[in-house]
PDB file of all heavy atoms in Angstrom:
ATOM      1  N   ASP A   1     -10.679  57.769 -43.237  1.00  0.00           N
ATOM      2  CA  ASP A   1      -9.915  57.220 -44.359  1.00  0.00           C
ATOM      3  C   ASP A   1      -8.828  58.167 -44.867  1.00  0.00           C
ATOM      4  O   ASP A   1      -8.454  58.127 -46.035  1.00  0.00           O
ATOM      5  CB  ASP A   1     -10.840  56.796 -45.501  1.00  0.00           C
ATOM      6  CG  ASP A   1     -10.225  55.689 -46.354  1.00  0.00           C
ATOM      7  OD1 ASP A   1      -9.549  54.811 -45.784  1.00  0.00           O
ATOM      8  OD2 ASP A   1     -10.404  55.714 -47.589  1.00  0.00           O
ATOM      9  N   LYS A   2      -8.331  59.027 -43.981  1.00  0.00           N
ATOM     10  CA  LYS A   2      -7.225  59.926 -44.334  1.00  0.00           C
ATOM     11  C   LYS A   2      -5.918  59.338 -43.812  1.00  0.00           C
ATOM     12  O   LYS A   2      -5.870  58.761 -42.726  1.00  0.00           O
ATOM     13  CB  LYS A   2      -7.454  61.309 -43.729  1.00  0.00           C
ATOM     14  CG  LYS A   2      -8.654  62.008 -44.323  1.00  0.00           C
ATOM     15  CD  LYS A   2      -8.845  63.371 -43.724  1.00  0.00           C
ATOM     16  CE  LYS A   2     -10.104  64.008 -44.319  1.00  0.00           C
ATOM     17  NZ  LYS A   2     -10.562  65.130 -43.555  1.00  0.00           N
ATOM     18  N   VAL A   3      -4.843  59.507 -44.581  1.00  0.00           N
ATOM     19  CA  VAL A   3      -3.532  59.016 -44.170  1.00  0.00           C
ATOM     20  C   VAL A   3      -3.069  59.773 -42.930  1.00  0.00           C
ATOM     21  O   VAL A   3      -3.139  61.005 -42.880  1.00  0.00           O
ATOM     22  CB  VAL A   3      -2.502  59.164 -45.307  1.00  0.00           C
ATOM     23  CG1 VAL A   3      -1.107  58.781 -44.836  1.00  0.00           C
ATOM     24  CG2 VAL A   3      -2.910  58.325 -46.511  1.00  0.00           C
ATOM     25  N   ILE A   4      -2.592  59.037 -41.945  1.00  0.00           N
ATOM     26  CA  ILE A   4      -2.059  59.632 -40.716  1.00  0.00           C
ATOM     27  C   ILE A   4      -0.565  59.860 -40.947  1.00  0.00           C
ATOM     28  O   ILE A   4       0.243  58.940 -40.844  1.00  0.00           O
ATOM     29  CB  ILE A   4      -2.285  58.715 -39.496  1.00  0.00           C
ATOM     30  CG1 ILE A   4      -3.774  58.422 -39.337  1.00  0.00           C
ATOM     31  CG2 ILE A   4      -1.705  59.347 -38.231  1.00  0.00           C
ATOM     32  CD1 ILE A   4      -4.083  57.360 -38.303  1.00  0.00           C
ATOM     33  N   THR A   5      -0.205  61.074 -41.304  1.00  0.00           N
ATOM     34  CA  THR A   5       1.173  61.361 -41.721  1.00  0.00           C
ATOM     35  C   THR A   5       2.195  61.249 -40.597  1.00  0.00           C
ATOM     36  O   THR A   5       3.379  61.096 -40.868  1.00  0.00           O
ATOM     37  CB  THR A   5       1.263  62.762 -42.353  1.00  0.00           C
ATOM     38  OG1 THR A   5       0.802  63.726 -41.404  1.00  0.00           O
ATOM     39  CG2 THR A   5       0.431  62.838 -43.623  1.00  0.00           C
ATOM     40  N   ASP A   6       1.752  61.304 -39.337  1.00  0.00           N
ATOM     41  CA  ASP A   6       2.710  61.182 -38.241  1.00  0.00           C
ATOM     42  C   ASP A   6       2.661  59.800 -37.576  1.00  0.00           C
ATOM     43  O   ASP A   6       3.129  59.621 -36.470  1.00  0.00           O
ATOM     44  CB  ASP A   6       2.507  62.287 -37.200  1.00  0.00           C
ATOM     45  CG  ASP A   6       1.124  62.263 -36.567  1.00  0.00           C
ATOM     46  OD1 ASP A   6       0.249  61.512 -37.038  1.00  0.00           O
ATOM     47  OD2 ASP A   6       0.913  63.011 -35.594  1.00  0.00           O
ATOM     48  N   TYR A   7       2.144  58.797 -38.284  1.00  0.00           N
ATOM     49  CA  TYR A   7       2.079  57.438 -37.743  1.00  0.00           C
ATOM     50  C   TYR A   7       3.492  56.877 -37.611  1.00  0.00           C
ATOM     51  O   TYR A   7       4.290  56.945 -38.542  1.00  0.00           O
ATOM     52  CB  TYR A   7       1.239  56.534 -38.661  1.00  0.00           C
ATOM     53  CG  TYR A   7       1.182  55.116 -38.175  1.00  0.00           C
ATOM     54  CD1 TYR A   7       0.455  54.780 -37.039  1.00  0.00           C
ATOM     55  CD2 TYR A   7       1.866  54.111 -38.836  1.00  0.00           C
ATOM     56  CE1 TYR A   7       0.408  53.469 -36.579  1.00  0.00           C
ATOM     57  CE2 TYR A   7       1.824  52.809 -38.387  1.00  0.00           C
ATOM     58  CZ  TYR A   7       1.097  52.493 -37.261  1.00  0.00           C
ATOM     59  OH  TYR A   7       1.064  51.200 -36.803  1.00  0.00           O
ATOM     60  N   ARG A   8       3.822  56.320 -36.433  1.00  0.00           N
ATOM     61  CA  ARG A   8       5.159  55.769 -36.162  1.00  0.00           C
ATOM     62  C   ARG A   8       5.084  54.355 -35.584  1.00  0.00           C
ATOM     63  O   ARG A   8       6.004  53.906 -34.939  1.00  0.00           O
ATOM     64  CB  ARG A   8       5.931  56.651 -35.165  1.00  0.00           C
ATOM     65  CG  ARG A   8       6.116  58.083 -35.565  1.00  0.00           C
ATOM     66  CD  ARG A   8       7.082  58.256 -36.726  1.00  0.00           C
ATOM     67  NE  ARG A   8       7.185  59.648 -37.086  1.00  0.00           N
ATOM     68  CZ  ARG A   8       6.381  60.277 -37.919  1.00  0.00           C
ATOM     69  NH1 ARG A   8       5.389  59.645 -38.490  1.00  0.00           N
ATOM     70  NH2 ARG A   8       6.532  61.546 -38.204  1.00  0.00           N
ATOM     71  N   GLY A   9       4.008  53.651 -35.837  1.00  0.00           N
ATOM     72  CA  GLY A   9       3.836  52.311 -35.287  1.00  0.00           C
ATOM     73  C   GLY A   9       4.544  51.244 -36.093  1.00  0.00           C
ATOM     74  O   GLY A   9       5.261  51.516 -37.054  1.00  0.00           O
ATOM     75  N   SER A  10       4.304  50.002 -35.691  1.00  0.00           N
ATOM     76  CA  SER A  10       4.882  48.839 -36.360  1.00  0.00           C
ATOM     77  C   SER A  10       3.767  47.899 -36.783  1.00  0.00           C
ATOM     78  O   SER A  10       2.767  47.754 -36.082  1.00  0.00           O
ATOM     79  CB  SER A  10       5.836  48.104 -35.421  1.00  0.00           C
ATOM     80  OG  SER A  10       6.922  48.928 -35.080  1.00  0.00           O
ATOM     81  N   VAL A  11       3.947  47.252 -37.927  1.00  0.00           N
ATOM     82  CA  VAL A  11       2.941  46.348 -38.462  1.00  0.00           C
ATOM     83  C   VAL A  11       3.558  44.981 -38.747  1.00  0.00           C
ATOM     84  O   VAL A  11       4.770  44.854 -38.930  1.00  0.00           O
ATOM     85  CB  VAL A  11       2.294  46.905 -39.747  1.00  0.00           C
ATOM     86  CG1 VAL A  11       1.553  48.204 -39.466  1.00  0.00           C
ATOM     87  CG2 VAL A  11       3.323  47.123 -40.842  1.00  0.00           C
ATOM     88  N   TYR A  12       2.687  43.985 -38.775  1.00  0.00           N
ATOM     89  CA  TYR A  12       3.077  42.613 -39.069  1.00  0.00           C
ATOM     90  C   TYR A  12       2.263  42.125 -40.259  1.00  0.00           C
ATOM     91  O   TYR A  12       1.055  42.320 -40.308  1.00  0.00           O
ATOM     92  CB  TYR A  12       2.799  41.704 -37.866  1.00  0.00           C
ATOM     93  CG  TYR A  12       3.596  42.071 -36.648  1.00  0.00           C
ATOM     94  CD1 TYR A  12       3.130  43.028 -35.758  1.00  0.00           C
ATOM     95  CD2 TYR A  12       4.822  41.473 -36.400  1.00  0.00           C
ATOM     96  CE1 TYR A  12       3.868  43.370 -34.638  1.00  0.00           C
ATOM     97  CE2 TYR A  12       5.565  41.816 -35.285  1.00  0.00           C
ATOM     98  CZ  TYR A  12       5.082  42.765 -34.411  1.00  0.00           C
ATOM     99  OH  TYR A  12       5.818  43.110 -33.307  1.00  0.00           O
ATOM    100  N   PHE A  13       2.922  41.478 -41.200  1.00  0.00           N
ATOM    101  CA  PHE A  13       2.251  40.932 -42.379  1.00  0.00           C
ATOM    102  C   PHE A  13       1.979  39.444 -42.165  1.00  0.00           C
ATOM    103  O   PHE A  13       2.760  38.743 -41.518  1.00  0.00           O
ATOM    104  CB  PHE A  13       3.138  41.089 -43.626  1.00  0.00           C
ATOM    105  CG  PHE A  13       3.210  42.493 -44.126  1.00  0.00           C
ATOM    106  CD1 PHE A  13       4.149  43.376 -43.626  1.00  0.00           C
ATOM    107  CD2 PHE A  13       2.335  42.934 -45.113  1.00  0.00           C
ATOM    108  CE1 PHE A  13       4.220  44.680 -44.089  1.00  0.00           C
ATOM    109  CE2 PHE A  13       2.402  44.233 -45.573  1.00  0.00           C
ATOM    110  CZ  PHE A  13       3.347  45.108 -45.062  1.00  0.00           C
ATOM    111  N   SER A  14       0.882  38.974 -42.759  1.00  0.00           N
ATOM    112  CA  SER A  14       0.576  37.545 -42.716  1.00  0.00           C
ATOM    113  C   SER A  14      -0.296  37.183 -43.907  1.00  0.00           C
ATOM    114  O   SER A  14      -0.904  38.040 -44.544  1.00  0.00           O
ATOM    115  CB  SER A  14      -0.144  37.183 -41.417  1.00  0.00           C
ATOM    116  OG  SER A  14      -1.404  37.818 -41.344  1.00  0.00           O
ATOM    117  N   THR A  15      -0.340  35.893 -44.207  1.00  0.00           N
ATOM    118  CA  THR A  15      -1.253  35.349 -45.200  1.00  0.00           C
ATOM    119  C   THR A  15      -1.693  33.983 -44.711  1.00  0.00           C
ATOM    120  O   THR A  15      -0.882  33.218 -44.182  1.00  0.00           O
ATOM    121  CB  THR A  15      -0.622  35.253 -46.607  1.00  0.00           C
ATOM    122  OG1 THR A  15      -1.607  34.714 -47.502  1.00  0.00           O
ATOM    123  CG2 THR A  15       0.624  34.403 -46.633  1.00  0.00           C
ATOM    124  N   ASP A  16      -2.971  33.710 -44.867  1.00  0.00           N
ATOM    125  CA  ASP A  16      -3.460  32.389 -44.491  1.00  0.00           C
ATOM    126  C   ASP A  16      -3.947  31.613 -45.713  1.00  0.00           C
ATOM    127  O   ASP A  16      -4.606  30.591 -45.592  1.00  0.00           O
ATOM    128  CB  ASP A  16      -4.547  32.486 -43.428  1.00  0.00           C
ATOM    129  CG  ASP A  16      -5.764  33.281 -43.877  1.00  0.00           C
ATOM    130  OD1 ASP A  16      -5.778  33.767 -45.019  1.00  0.00           O
ATOM    131  OD2 ASP A  16      -6.695  33.411 -43.075  1.00  0.00           O
ATOM    132  N   THR A  17      -3.578  32.102 -46.900  1.00  0.00           N
ATOM    133  CA  THR A  17      -4.003  31.433 -48.134  1.00  0.00           C
ATOM    134  C   THR A  17      -2.842  30.794 -48.893  1.00  0.00           C
ATOM    135  O   THR A  17      -3.071  29.939 -49.738  1.00  0.00           O
ATOM    136  CB  THR A  17      -4.724  32.428 -49.065  1.00  0.00           C
ATOM    137  OG1 THR A  17      -3.847  33.514 -49.355  1.00  0.00           O
ATOM    138  CG2 THR A  17      -6.017  32.932 -48.429  1.00  0.00           C
ATOM    139  N   ASP A  18      -1.599  31.206 -48.617  1.00  0.00           N
ATOM    140  CA  ASP A  18      -0.434  30.655 -49.307  1.00  0.00           C
ATOM    141  C   ASP A  18       0.729  30.620 -48.317  1.00  0.00           C
ATOM    142  O   ASP A  18       1.462  31.594 -48.161  1.00  0.00           O
ATOM    143  CB  ASP A  18      -0.075  31.523 -50.524  1.00  0.00           C
ATOM    144  CG  ASP A  18       1.080  30.955 -51.347  1.00  0.00           C
ATOM    145  OD1 ASP A  18       1.716  29.961 -50.907  1.00  0.00           O
ATOM    146  OD2 ASP A  18       1.353  31.499 -52.434  1.00  0.00           O
ATOM    147  N   PHE A  19       0.868  29.482 -47.648  1.00  0.00           N
ATOM    148  CA  PHE A  19       1.891  29.378 -46.605  1.00  0.00           C
ATOM    149  C   PHE A  19       3.309  29.342 -47.162  1.00  0.00           C
ATOM    150  O   PHE A  19       4.265  29.506 -46.415  1.00  0.00           O
ATOM    151  CB  PHE A  19       1.615  28.168 -45.711  1.00  0.00           C
ATOM    152  CG  PHE A  19       0.319  28.308 -44.956  1.00  0.00           C
ATOM    153  CD1 PHE A  19      -0.780  27.540 -45.286  1.00  0.00           C
ATOM    154  CD2 PHE A  19       0.186  29.257 -43.956  1.00  0.00           C
ATOM    155  CE1 PHE A  19      -1.978  27.689 -44.613  1.00  0.00           C
ATOM    156  CE2 PHE A  19      -1.010  29.422 -43.279  1.00  0.00           C
ATOM    157  CZ  PHE A  19      -2.099  28.628 -43.613  1.00  0.00           C
ATOM    158  N   GLY A  20       3.461  29.186 -48.478  1.00  0.00           N
ATOM    159  CA  GLY A  20       4.781  29.235 -49.106  1.00  0.00           C
ATOM    160  C   GLY A  20       5.139  30.620 -49.629  1.00  0.00           C
ATOM    161  O   GLY A  20       6.195  30.812 -50.225  1.00  0.00           O
ATOM    162  N   ALA A  21       4.263  31.587 -49.387  1.00  0.00           N
ATOM    163  CA  ALA A  21       4.492  32.948 -49.883  1.00  0.00           C
ATOM    164  C   ALA A  21       5.649  33.620 -49.149  1.00  0.00           C
ATOM    165  O   ALA A  21       5.939  33.309 -47.998  1.00  0.00           O
ATOM    166  CB  ALA A  21       3.227  33.782 -49.706  1.00  0.00           C
ATOM    167  N   THR A  22       6.269  34.555 -49.842  1.00  0.00           N
ATOM    168  CA  THR A  22       7.268  35.422 -49.233  1.00  0.00           C
ATOM    169  C   THR A  22       6.559  36.726 -48.901  1.00  0.00           C
ATOM    170  O   THR A  22       5.980  37.361 -49.783  1.00  0.00           O
ATOM    171  CB  THR A  22       8.437  35.692 -50.198  1.00  0.00           C
ATOM    172  OG1 THR A  22       9.015  34.447 -50.575  1.00  0.00           O
ATOM    173  CG2 THR A  22       9.476  36.592 -49.558  1.00  0.00           C
ATOM    174  N   ILE A  23       6.589  37.107 -47.616  1.00  0.00           N
ATOM    175  CA  ILE A  23       5.942  38.338 -47.180  1.00  0.00           C
ATOM    176  C   ILE A  23       6.961  39.205 -46.458  1.00  0.00           C
ATOM    177  O   ILE A  23       7.978  38.703 -45.981  1.00  0.00           O
ATOM    178  CB  ILE A  23       4.705  38.049 -46.287  1.00  0.00           C
ATOM    179  CG1 ILE A  23       5.093  37.222 -45.061  1.00  0.00           C
ATOM    180  CG2 ILE A  23       3.622  37.354 -47.093  1.00  0.00           C
ATOM    181  CD1 ILE A  23       3.952  36.977 -44.092  1.00  0.00           C
ATOM    182  N   PRO A  24       6.720  40.503 -46.349  1.00  0.00           N
ATOM    183  CA  PRO A  24       7.683  41.404 -45.709  1.00  0.00           C
ATOM    184  C   PRO A  24       7.961  41.027 -44.250  1.00  0.00           C
ATOM    185  O   PRO A  24       7.032  40.763 -43.478  1.00  0.00           O
ATOM    186  CB  PRO A  24       6.996  42.770 -45.774  1.00  0.00           C
ATOM    187  CG  PRO A  24       6.028  42.650 -46.899  1.00  0.00           C
ATOM    188  CD  PRO A  24       5.570  41.215 -46.887  1.00  0.00           C
ATOM    189  N   ALA A  25       9.228  40.973 -43.904  1.00  0.00           N
ATOM    190  CA  ALA A  25       9.688  40.779 -42.524  1.00  0.00           C
ATOM    191  C   ALA A  25       8.955  39.639 -41.834  1.00  0.00           C
ATOM    192  O   ALA A  25       8.467  39.785 -40.716  1.00  0.00           O
ATOM    193  CB  ALA A  25       9.545  42.070 -41.728  1.00  0.00           C
ATOM    194  N   GLN A  26       8.871  38.508 -42.478  1.00  0.00           N
ATOM    195  CA  GLN A  26       8.106  37.381 -41.957  1.00  0.00           C
ATOM    196  C   GLN A  26       8.426  37.111 -40.485  1.00  0.00           C
ATOM    197  O   GLN A  26       9.552  36.850 -40.116  1.00  0.00           O
ATOM    198  CB  GLN A  26       8.386  36.133 -42.795  1.00  0.00           C
ATOM    199  CG  GLN A  26       7.337  35.095 -42.693  1.00  0.00           C
ATOM    200  CD  GLN A  26       7.296  34.200 -43.918  1.00  0.00           C
ATOM    201  OE1 GLN A  26       8.089  34.339 -44.840  1.00  0.00           O
ATOM    202  NE2 GLN A  26       6.361  33.286 -43.940  1.00  0.00           N
ATOM    203  N   GLY A  27       7.403  37.226 -39.626  1.00  0.00           N
ATOM    204  CA  GLY A  27       7.566  37.006 -38.197  1.00  0.00           C
ATOM    205  C   GLY A  27       8.143  38.186 -37.441  1.00  0.00           C
ATOM    206  O   GLY A  27       8.328  38.121 -36.233  1.00  0.00           O
TER     207      GLY A  27
END
């Protein structure tokens, strides 16, 4: 549970509870 300070990956945001939500970089 320690922050990985040299992490350089990419992540995808999603929600399955509010399909009208605005989320970061949708898709």
